[in-house]
Amino acid sequence: MRGTMGTQGSPVKSYDYLLKFLLVGDSDVGKGEILDSLQDGSAESPYAYSSGIDYKTTTILLDGRRVKLELWDTSGQGRFCTIFRSYSRGAQGILLVYDITNRWSFDGIDRWIREIDEHAPGVPRILVGNRLHLAFKRQVPTEQARAYAEKNGMTFFEVSPLCNFNVIESFTELSRIVLMRHGMEKFWRPNRVFSLQDLCCRAIVSCTPVHLIDKLPLPVAIKSHLKSFSMANGMNAVMMHGRSYSLASASGEARATA
């Protein structure tokens, strides 16, 4: 993790912190889909095409601070385990990704956790259930995945790159965990700045239950962003130990209070 500060005679960096995250999981769970959904970053890396590693950078805004993320995705195939061991050195955060429509990919998370415990012990990690837009084909219940994440001390997200749901929020939460672990919270919290978009989202979701956002006369992309904002900021969402965010948890709350 590197903070940056412009000094006389040196170029000013376009970010305040630089973090290296790994996306791990079995092949064909959609890690590439997650990276492809990030439109603002660079995909150029001297290692990406020669060693089976996909690479992407993106910059997020976290409480008024710019955090640049270097995202590395191994293919998930067994022959790339040695590559994971190499690239895990210096990683500050790990996203464990599975496909909610593929039970086998969820069962394989245990193997990846063992790899992480051996080669990157202590590195913060979160559990990500991908392809939420295919929930009608779901093989991994949300409640089971959430319980598994809590048992292993992880935050849990269900995401959909296709619908732009919870992708940025998952990266933002992992960044927050990493920075807080390294004592950086004190640097950004006093200077917290809300964007106009955040203020508008906050005003809307504060008076609109998440299960009614779809009924608002707004474009689909904006409604998707409002849902993500609501989940990520704990507004109208079910909050469990370790923080869990998913559409299922919100709709379950709505049914329970109906």
C-alpha atoms as a PDB file:
ATOM      1  CA  MET A   1       0.000   0.000   0.000  1.00  0.00           C
ATOM      2  CA  ARG A   2       1.437   3.313  -1.038  1.00  0.00           C
ATOM      3  CA  GLY A   3       0.168   6.808  -0.321  1.00  0.00           C
ATOM      4  CA  THR A   4       1.203   9.469  -2.807  1.00  0.00           C
ATOM      5  CA  MET A   5       1.897  13.151  -2.404  1.00  0.00           C
ATOM      6  CA  GLY A   6       2.998  15.626  -5.009  1.00  0.00           C
ATOM      7  CA  THR A   7       6.297  17.340  -4.274  1.00  0.00           C
ATOM      8  CA  GLN A   8       8.167  20.044  -6.112  1.00  0.00           C
ATOM      9  CA  GLY A   9       9.931  18.588  -9.111  1.00  0.00           C
ATOM     10  CA  SER A  10       7.944  15.331  -9.105  1.00  0.00           C
ATOM     11  CA  PRO A  11       4.702  14.586 -10.939  1.00  0.00           C
ATOM     12  CA  VAL A  12       1.486  14.574  -8.924  1.00  0.00           C
ATOM     13  CA  LYS A  13      -0.060  11.116  -8.862  1.00  0.00           C
ATOM     14  CA  SER A  14      -3.714  10.697  -9.782  1.00  0.00           C
ATOM     15  CA  TYR A  15      -4.456   8.711  -6.616  1.00  0.00           C
ATOM     16  CA  ASP A  16      -3.898   8.809  -2.864  1.00  0.00           C
ATOM     17  CA  TYR A  17      -3.442   5.090  -2.227  1.00  0.00           C
ATOM     18  CA  LEU A  18      -2.425   2.152  -4.402  1.00  0.00           C
ATOM     19  CA  LEU A  19      -3.676  -1.326  -3.480  1.00  0.00           C
ATOM     20  CA  LYS A  20      -3.057  -4.728  -5.056  1.00  0.00           C
ATOM     21  CA  PHE A  21      -6.045  -7.091  -5.057  1.00  0.00           C
ATOM     22  CA  LEU A  22      -6.270 -10.666  -6.326  1.00  0.00           C
ATOM     23  CA  LEU A  23      -9.411 -12.270  -7.746  1.00  0.00           C
ATOM     24  CA  VAL A  24      -9.282 -16.008  -7.107  1.00  0.00           C
ATOM     25  CA  GLY A  25     -11.684 -18.844  -7.726  1.00  0.00           C
ATOM     26  CA  ASP A  26     -12.255 -21.715 -10.090  1.00  0.00           C
ATOM     27  CA  SER A  27     -12.266 -21.205 -13.836  1.00  0.00           C
ATOM     28  CA  ASP A  28     -15.415 -19.898 -15.530  1.00  0.00           C
ATOM     29  CA  VAL A  29     -16.882 -18.218 -12.442  1.00  0.00           C
ATOM     30  CA  GLY A  30     -16.882 -14.844 -14.205  1.00  0.00           C
ATOM     31  CA  LYS A  31     -13.835 -13.114 -12.753  1.00  0.00           C
ATOM     32  CA  GLY A  32     -13.100 -11.732 -16.217  1.00  0.00           C
ATOM     33  CA  GLU A  33     -16.663 -10.412 -16.416  1.00  0.00           C
ATOM     34  CA  ILE A  34     -16.082  -8.487 -13.206  1.00  0.00           C
ATOM     35  CA  LEU A  35     -12.900  -6.915 -14.579  1.00  0.00           C
ATOM     36  CA  ASP A  36     -14.515  -6.142 -17.933  1.00  0.00           C
ATOM     37  CA  SER A  37     -17.329  -4.253 -16.182  1.00  0.00           C
ATOM     38  CA  LEU A  38     -14.792  -1.696 -14.932  1.00  0.00           C
ATOM     39  CA  GLN A  39     -14.675   0.873 -17.707  1.00  0.00           C
ATOM     40  CA  ASP A  40     -12.195   3.412 -16.378  1.00  0.00           C
ATOM     41  CA  GLY A  41      -9.022   1.371 -15.962  1.00  0.00           C
ATOM     42  CA  SER A  42      -6.080   0.163 -17.969  1.00  0.00           C
ATOM     43  CA  ALA A  43      -5.731  -3.485 -18.969  1.00  0.00           C
ATOM     44  CA  GLU A  44      -2.099  -3.292 -20.039  1.00  0.00           C
ATOM     45  CA  SER A  45       0.375  -5.439 -18.146  1.00  0.00           C
ATOM     46  CA  PRO A  46       3.672  -6.994 -19.190  1.00  0.00           C
ATOM     47  CA  TYR A  47       2.546 -10.254 -17.586  1.00  0.00           C
ATOM     48  CA  ALA A  48      -1.129 -10.482 -18.519  1.00  0.00           C
ATOM     49  CA  TYR A  49      -0.961 -12.395 -21.773  1.00  0.00           C
ATOM     50  CA  SER A  50       2.223 -14.373 -21.267  1.00  0.00           C
ATOM     51  CA  SER A  51       1.529 -16.024 -17.945  1.00  0.00           C
ATOM     52  CA  GLY A  52      -2.225 -16.617 -17.816  1.00  0.00           C
ATOM     53  CA  ILE A  53      -2.955 -13.580 -15.683  1.00  0.00           C
ATOM     54  CA  ASP A  54      -5.620 -10.981 -16.479  1.00  0.00           C
ATOM     55  CA  TYR A  55      -4.849  -7.505 -15.192  1.00  0.00           C
ATOM     56  CA  LYS A  56      -6.894  -4.334 -14.788  1.00  0.00           C
ATOM     57  CA  THR A  57      -6.564  -1.084 -12.916  1.00  0.00           C
ATOM     58  CA  THR A  58      -9.386   1.088 -11.701  1.00  0.00           C
ATOM     59  CA  THR A  59      -9.700   4.050  -9.376  1.00  0.00           C
ATOM     60  CA  ILE A  60     -12.453   4.354  -6.790  1.00  0.00           C
ATOM     61  CA  LEU A  61     -13.420   7.204  -4.505  1.00  0.00           C
ATOM     62  CA  LEU A  62     -13.447   6.191  -0.840  1.00  0.00           C
ATOM     63  CA  ASP A  63     -14.607   8.881   1.562  1.00  0.00           C
ATOM     64  CA  GLY A  64     -13.070  11.624  -0.536  1.00  0.00           C
ATOM     65  CA  ARG A  65      -9.783   9.790  -1.179  1.00  0.00           C
ATOM     66  CA  ARG A  66      -8.766   8.322  -4.534  1.00  0.00           C
ATOM     67  CA  VAL A  67      -7.773   4.683  -4.258  1.00  0.00           C
ATOM     68  CA  LYS A  68      -6.164   3.069  -7.287  1.00  0.00           C
ATOM     69  CA  LEU A  69      -6.633  -0.696  -7.457  1.00  0.00           C
ATOM     70  CA  GLU A  70      -4.382  -3.116  -9.301  1.00  0.00           C
ATOM     71  CA  LEU A  71      -6.573  -6.157  -9.954  1.00  0.00           C
ATOM     72  CA  TRP A  72      -5.000  -9.497 -10.838  1.00  0.00           C
ATOM     73  CA  ASP A  73      -7.042 -12.481 -11.977  1.00  0.00           C
ATOM     74  CA  THR A  74      -5.576 -15.967 -12.252  1.00  0.00           C
ATOM     75  CA  SER A  75      -7.380 -18.345 -14.585  1.00  0.00           C
ATOM     76  CA  GLY A  76      -8.449 -20.616 -11.729  1.00  0.00           C
ATOM     77  CA  GLN A  77      -7.085 -23.751 -13.379  1.00  0.00           C
ATOM     78  CA  GLY A  78      -4.989 -26.116 -11.305  1.00  0.00           C
ATOM     79  CA  ARG A  79      -1.846 -25.505 -13.353  1.00  0.00           C
ATOM     80  CA  PHE A  80      -1.966 -21.853 -12.341  1.00  0.00           C
ATOM     81  CA  CYS A  81      -1.773 -22.514  -8.590  1.00  0.00           C
ATOM     82  CA  THR A  82       1.943 -21.799  -8.747  1.00  0.00           C
ATOM     83  CA  ILE A  83       1.165 -18.470 -10.438  1.00  0.00           C
ATOM     84  CA  PHE A  84      -1.211 -17.616  -7.608  1.00  0.00           C
ATOM     85  CA  ARG A  85       1.521 -18.373  -5.092  1.00  0.00           C
ATOM     86  CA  SER A  86       3.819 -15.990  -6.922  1.00  0.00           C
ATOM     87  CA  TYR A  87       1.335 -13.156  -7.373  1.00  0.00           C
ATOM     88  CA  SER A  88      -0.004 -13.454  -3.817  1.00  0.00           C
ATOM     89  CA  ARG A  89       3.213 -11.873  -2.591  1.00  0.00           C
ATOM     90  CA  GLY A  90       2.483  -8.239  -1.840  1.00  0.00           C
ATOM     91  CA  ALA A  91      -1.292  -8.620  -2.223  1.00  0.00           C
ATOM     92  CA  GLN A  92      -3.276  -6.465   0.186  1.00  0.00           C
ATOM     93  CA  GLY A  93      -6.723  -7.901  -0.471  1.00  0.00           C
ATOM     94  CA  ILE A  94      -8.317 -10.980  -2.030  1.00  0.00           C
ATOM     95  CA  LEU A  95     -11.742 -11.523  -3.584  1.00  0.00           C
ATOM     96  CA  LEU A  96     -12.855 -15.155  -3.466  1.00  0.00           C
ATOM     97  CA  VAL A  97     -15.250 -15.516  -6.394  1.00  0.00           C
ATOM     98  CA  TYR A  98     -17.744 -18.288  -7.100  1.00  0.00           C
ATOM     99  CA  ASP A  99     -20.673 -18.630  -9.509  1.00  0.00           C
ATOM    100  CA  ILE A 100     -24.058 -18.797  -7.745  1.00  0.00           C
ATOM    101  CA  THR A 101     -25.303 -21.087 -10.540  1.00  0.00           C
ATOM    102  CA  ASN A 102     -22.426 -23.560 -10.088  1.00  0.00           C
ATOM    103  CA  ARG A 103     -22.360 -25.482  -6.819  1.00  0.00           C
ATOM    104  CA  TRP A 104     -18.967 -26.973  -7.630  1.00  0.00           C
ATOM    105  CA  SER A 105     -17.377 -23.527  -7.799  1.00  0.00           C
ATOM    106  CA  PHE A 106     -18.678 -22.707  -4.314  1.00  0.00           C
ATOM    107  CA  ASP A 107     -17.408 -25.986  -2.880  1.00  0.00           C
ATOM    108  CA  GLY A 108     -13.997 -25.147  -4.377  1.00  0.00           C
ATOM    109  CA  ILE A 109     -13.663 -22.033  -2.197  1.00  0.00           C
ATOM    110  CA  ASP A 110     -12.328 -24.224   0.625  1.00  0.00           C
ATOM    111  CA  ARG A 111      -9.347 -25.165  -1.523  1.00  0.00           C
ATOM    112  CA  TRP A 112      -8.615 -21.527  -2.330  1.00  0.00           C
ATOM    113  CA  ILE A 113      -8.810 -20.558   1.334  1.00  0.00           C
ATOM    114  CA  ARG A 114      -6.204 -23.207   2.109  1.00  0.00           C
ATOM    115  CA  GLU A 115      -3.959 -21.762  -0.606  1.00  0.00           C
ATOM    116  CA  ILE A 116      -4.430 -18.269   0.820  1.00  0.00           C
ATOM    117  CA  ASP A 117      -3.773 -19.387   4.393  1.00  0.00           C
ATOM    118  CA  GLU A 118      -0.546 -21.004   3.244  1.00  0.00           C
ATOM    119  CA  HIS A 119       0.803 -18.358   0.882  1.00  0.00           C
ATOM    120  CA  ALA A 120      -0.949 -15.111   1.937  1.00  0.00           C
ATOM    121  CA  PRO A 121      -1.896 -15.530   5.604  1.00  0.00           C
ATOM    122  CA  GLY A 122      -3.622 -12.600   7.204  1.00  0.00           C
ATOM    123  CA  VAL A 123      -4.503 -10.853   3.944  1.00  0.00           C
ATOM    124  CA  PRO A 124      -8.079  -9.442   4.134  1.00  0.00           C
ATOM    125  CA  ARG A 125     -10.534 -11.315   1.956  1.00  0.00           C
ATOM    126  CA  ILE A 126     -14.184 -11.116   0.944  1.00  0.00           C
ATOM    127  CA  LEU A 127     -16.531 -13.704  -0.566  1.00  0.00           C
ATOM    128  CA  VAL A 128     -18.218 -12.765  -3.839  1.00  0.00           C
ATOM    129  CA  GLY A 129     -21.119 -14.680  -5.377  1.00  0.00           C
ATOM    130  CA  ASN A 130     -21.113 -13.749  -9.062  1.00  0.00           C
ATOM    131  CA  ARG A 131     -23.846 -13.732 -11.748  1.00  0.00           C
ATOM    132  CA  LEU A 132     -26.725 -12.627  -9.557  1.00  0.00           C
ATOM    133  CA  HIS A 133     -28.653 -11.849 -12.749  1.00  0.00           C
ATOM    134  CA  LEU A 134     -28.955 -15.646 -13.187  1.00  0.00           C
ATOM    135  CA  ALA A 135     -30.621 -16.112  -9.797  1.00  0.00           C
ATOM    136  CA  PHE A 136     -33.325 -18.245 -11.422  1.00  0.00           C
ATOM    137  CA  LYS A 137     -30.589 -20.865 -11.988  1.00  0.00           C
ATOM    138  CA  ARG A 138     -29.201 -20.530  -8.473  1.00  0.00           C
ATOM    139  CA  GLN A 139     -27.493 -23.589  -6.973  1.00  0.00           C
ATOM    140  CA  VAL A 140     -25.951 -21.851  -3.952  1.00  0.00           C
ATOM    141  CA  PRO A 141     -28.484 -20.384  -1.478  1.00  0.00           C
ATOM    142  CA  THR A 142     -27.687 -16.867  -0.299  1.00  0.00           C
ATOM    143  CA  GLU A 143     -28.166 -17.858   3.335  1.00  0.00           C
ATOM    144  CA  GLN A 144     -25.659 -20.701   3.043  1.00  0.00           C
ATOM    145  CA  ALA A 145     -23.033 -18.498   1.407  1.00  0.00           C
ATOM    146  CA  ARG A 146     -23.568 -15.777   4.010  1.00  0.00           C
ATOM    147  CA  ALA A 147     -23.188 -18.255   6.863  1.00  0.00           C
ATOM    148  CA  TYR A 148     -20.025 -19.622   5.260  1.00  0.00           C
ATOM    149  CA  ALA A 149     -18.580 -16.117   4.936  1.00  0.00           C
ATOM    150  CA  GLU A 150     -19.357 -15.300   8.569  1.00  0.00           C
ATOM    151  CA  LYS A 151     -17.817 -18.571   9.721  1.00  0.00           C
ATOM    152  CA  ASN A 152     -14.603 -17.652   7.908  1.00  0.00           C
ATOM    153  CA  GLY A 153     -14.607 -14.011   9.010  1.00  0.00           C
ATOM    154  CA  MET A 154     -15.370 -12.565   5.580  1.00  0.00           C
ATOM    155  CA  THR A 155     -17.675  -9.903   4.213  1.00  0.00           C
ATOM    156  CA  PHE A 156     -20.134 -11.327   1.670  1.00  0.00           C
ATOM    157  CA  PHE A 157     -21.460  -9.798  -1.542  1.00  0.00           C
ATOM    158  CA  GLU A 158     -23.588 -11.081  -4.381  1.00  0.00           C
ATOM    159  CA  VAL A 159     -22.796  -9.194  -7.576  1.00  0.00           C
ATOM    160  CA  SER A 160     -23.837  -8.900 -11.192  1.00  0.00           C
ATOM    161  CA  PRO A 161     -21.434  -7.265 -13.660  1.00  0.00           C
ATOM    162  CA  LEU A 162     -24.154  -7.450 -16.303  1.00  0.00           C
ATOM    163  CA  CYS A 163     -26.492  -5.322 -14.180  1.00  0.00           C
ATOM    164  CA  ASN A 164     -23.696  -3.249 -12.641  1.00  0.00           C
ATOM    165  CA  PHE A 165     -24.811  -4.381  -9.201  1.00  0.00           C
ATOM    166  CA  ASN A 166     -22.485  -4.416  -6.164  1.00  0.00           C
ATOM    167  CA  VAL A 167     -19.250  -4.690  -8.194  1.00  0.00           C
ATOM    168  CA  ILE A 168     -17.773  -1.322  -7.214  1.00  0.00           C
ATOM    169  CA  GLU A 169     -19.278  -1.725  -3.748  1.00  0.00           C
ATOM    170  CA  SER A 170     -17.388  -4.970  -3.164  1.00  0.00           C
ATOM    171  CA  PHE A 171     -14.074  -3.387  -4.190  1.00  0.00           C
ATOM    172  CA  THR A 172     -14.847  -0.331  -2.050  1.00  0.00           C
ATOM    173  CA  GLU A 173     -15.600  -2.383   1.046  1.00  0.00           C
ATOM    174  CA  LEU A 174     -12.444  -4.472   0.669  1.00  0.00           C
ATOM    175  CA  SER A 175     -10.426  -1.258   0.231  1.00  0.00           C
ATOM    176  CA  ARG A 176     -11.966   0.134   3.394  1.00  0.00           C
ATOM    177  CA  ILE A 177     -11.099  -3.028   5.336  1.00  0.00           C
ATOM    178  CA  VAL A 178      -7.495  -2.939   4.090  1.00  0.00           C
ATOM    179  CA  LEU A 179      -6.973   0.748   4.859  1.00  0.00           C
ATOM    180  CA  MET A 180      -8.509   0.456   8.311  1.00  0.00           C
ATOM    181  CA  ARG A 181      -6.324  -2.539   9.078  1.00  0.00           C
ATOM    182  CA  HIS A 182      -3.265  -0.468   8.193  1.00  0.00           C
ATOM    183  CA  GLY A 183      -4.382   2.417  10.392  1.00  0.00           C
ATOM    184  CA  MET A 184      -5.316   4.708   7.512  1.00  0.00           C
ATOM    185  CA  GLU A 185      -8.847   5.471   8.701  1.00  0.00           C
ATOM    186  CA  LYS A 186      -7.642   8.506  10.630  1.00  0.00           C
ATOM    187  CA  PHE A 187      -6.284  10.046   7.423  1.00  0.00           C
ATOM    188  CA  TRP A 188      -9.494  10.099   5.441  1.00  0.00           C
ATOM    189  CA  ARG A 189     -12.361  10.219   7.902  1.00  0.00           C
ATOM    190  CA  PRO A 190     -11.908  13.862   8.994  1.00  0.00           C
ATOM    191  CA  ASN A 191     -11.774  14.914   5.329  1.00  0.00           C
ATOM    192  CA  ARG A 192     -14.774  12.957   4.165  1.00  0.00           C
ATOM    193  CA  VAL A 193     -16.399  14.568   1.132  1.00  0.00           C
ATOM    194  CA  PHE A 194     -19.687  13.423  -0.382  1.00  0.00           C
ATOM    195  CA  SER A 195     -20.142  13.748  -4.114  1.00  0.00           C
ATOM    196  CA  LEU A 196     -23.336  15.253  -5.505  1.00  0.00           C
ATOM    197  CA  GLN A 197     -24.267  11.781  -6.745  1.00  0.00           C
ATOM    198  CA  ASP A 198     -23.837  10.340  -3.238  1.00  0.00           C
ATOM    199  CA  LEU A 199     -25.965  13.095  -1.743  1.00  0.00           C
ATOM    200  CA  CYS A 200     -28.747  12.499  -4.291  1.00  0.00           C
ATOM    201  CA  CYS A 201     -28.634   8.746  -3.751  1.00  0.00           C
ATOM    202  CA  ARG A 202     -28.694   9.204   0.008  1.00  0.00           C
ATOM    203  CA  ALA A 203     -31.745  11.464  -0.211  1.00  0.00           C
ATOM    204  CA  ILE A 204     -33.661   8.969  -2.373  1.00  0.00           C
ATOM    205  CA  VAL A 205     -32.858   5.722  -0.563  1.00  0.00           C
ATOM    206  CA  SER A 206     -33.421   7.282   2.857  1.00  0.00           C
ATOM    207  CA  CYS A 207     -37.147   7.530   2.084  1.00  0.00           C
ATOM    208  CA  THR A 208     -37.578   4.647  -0.394  1.00  0.00           C
ATOM    209  CA  PRO A 209     -37.446   0.983   0.680  1.00  0.00           C
ATOM    210  CA  VAL A 210     -35.049  -0.972  -1.497  1.00  0.00           C
ATOM    211  CA  HIS A 211     -37.808  -3.312  -2.748  1.00  0.00           C
ATOM    212  CA  LEU A 212     -39.709  -0.283  -4.112  1.00  0.00           C
ATOM    213  CA  ILE A 213     -36.817   1.280  -6.006  1.00  0.00           C
ATOM    214  CA  ASP A 214     -37.820  -0.647  -9.154  1.00  0.00           C
ATOM    215  CA  LYS A 215     -41.125   1.235  -9.151  1.00  0.00           C
ATOM    216  CA  LEU A 216     -39.461   4.643  -9.397  1.00  0.00           C
ATOM    217  CA  PRO A 217     -39.781   6.383 -12.809  1.00  0.00           C
ATOM    218  CA  LEU A 218     -36.027   6.295 -13.416  1.00  0.00           C
ATOM    219  CA  PRO A 219     -33.735   4.638 -15.977  1.00  0.00           C
ATOM    220  CA  VAL A 220     -32.748   1.055 -15.177  1.00  0.00           C
ATOM    221  CA  ALA A 221     -29.071   1.957 -14.726  1.00  0.00           C
ATOM    222  CA  ILE A 222     -29.913   4.598 -12.106  1.00  0.00           C
ATOM    223  CA  LYS A 223     -32.229   2.242 -10.226  1.00  0.00           C
ATOM    224  CA  SER A 224     -29.479  -0.377 -10.186  1.00  0.00           C
ATOM    225  CA  HIS A 225     -27.046   2.176  -8.769  1.00  0.00           C
ATOM    226  CA  LEU A 226     -29.572   3.191  -6.099  1.00  0.00           C
ATOM    227  CA  LYS A 227     -29.920  -0.428  -5.010  1.00  0.00           C
ATOM    228  CA  SER A 228     -26.173  -0.842  -4.790  1.00  0.00           C
ATOM    229  CA  PHE A 229     -25.845   2.415  -2.845  1.00  0.00           C
ATOM    230  CA  SER A 230     -28.566   1.320  -0.441  1.00  0.00           C
ATOM    231  CA  MET A 231     -26.863  -2.019   0.229  1.00  0.00           C
ATOM    232  CA  ALA A 232     -23.356  -0.615   0.537  1.00  0.00           C
ATOM    233  CA  ASN A 233     -24.390   2.095   2.985  1.00  0.00           C
ATOM    234  CA  GLY A 234     -26.599  -0.089   5.167  1.00  0.00           C
ATOM    235  CA  MET A 235     -29.755   1.819   4.286  1.00  0.00           C
ATOM    236  CA  ASN A 236     -32.912  -0.352   4.153  1.00  0.00           C
ATOM    237  CA  ALA A 237     -30.634  -3.419   4.109  1.00  0.00           C
ATOM    238  CA  VAL A 238     -30.243  -6.353   6.457  1.00  0.00           C
ATOM    239  CA  MET A 239     -26.899  -6.039   8.209  1.00  0.00           C
ATOM    240  CA  MET A 240     -25.330  -9.246   9.532  1.00  0.00           C
ATOM    241  CA  HIS A 241     -22.072  -9.836  11.386  1.00  0.00           C
ATOM    242  CA  GLY A 242     -19.199  -9.050   9.040  1.00  0.00           C
ATOM    243  CA  ARG A 243     -21.562  -7.108   6.740  1.00  0.00           C
ATOM    244  CA  SER A 244     -23.535  -8.958   4.100  1.00  0.00           C
ATOM    245  CA  TYR A 245     -25.134  -7.383   1.063  1.00  0.00           C
ATOM    246  CA  SER A 246     -27.473  -9.070  -1.382  1.00  0.00           C
ATOM    247  CA  LEU A 247     -30.827  -8.609  -3.058  1.00  0.00           C
ATOM    248  CA  ALA A 248     -32.117 -11.659  -1.236  1.00  0.00           C
ATOM    249  CA  SER A 249     -31.453 -10.182   2.202  1.00  0.00           C
ATOM    250  CA  ALA A 250     -33.289  -6.999   1.321  1.00  0.00           C
ATOM    251  CA  SER A 251     -36.316  -8.759  -0.150  1.00  0.00           C
ATOM    252  CA  GLY A 252     -36.422 -11.093   2.845  1.00  0.00           C
ATOM    253  CA  GLU A 253     -36.587  -8.106   5.173  1.00  0.00           C
ATOM    254  CA  ALA A 254     -39.414  -6.663   3.121  1.00  0.00           C
ATOM    255  CA  ARG A 255     -41.413  -9.891   3.383  1.00  0.00           C
ATOM    256  CA  ALA A 256     -40.735 -10.133   7.104  1.00  0.00           C
ATOM    257  CA  THR A 257     -42.078  -6.658   7.796  1.00  0.00           C
ATOM    258  CA  ALA A 258     -45.037  -6.940   5.420  1.00  0.00           C
END
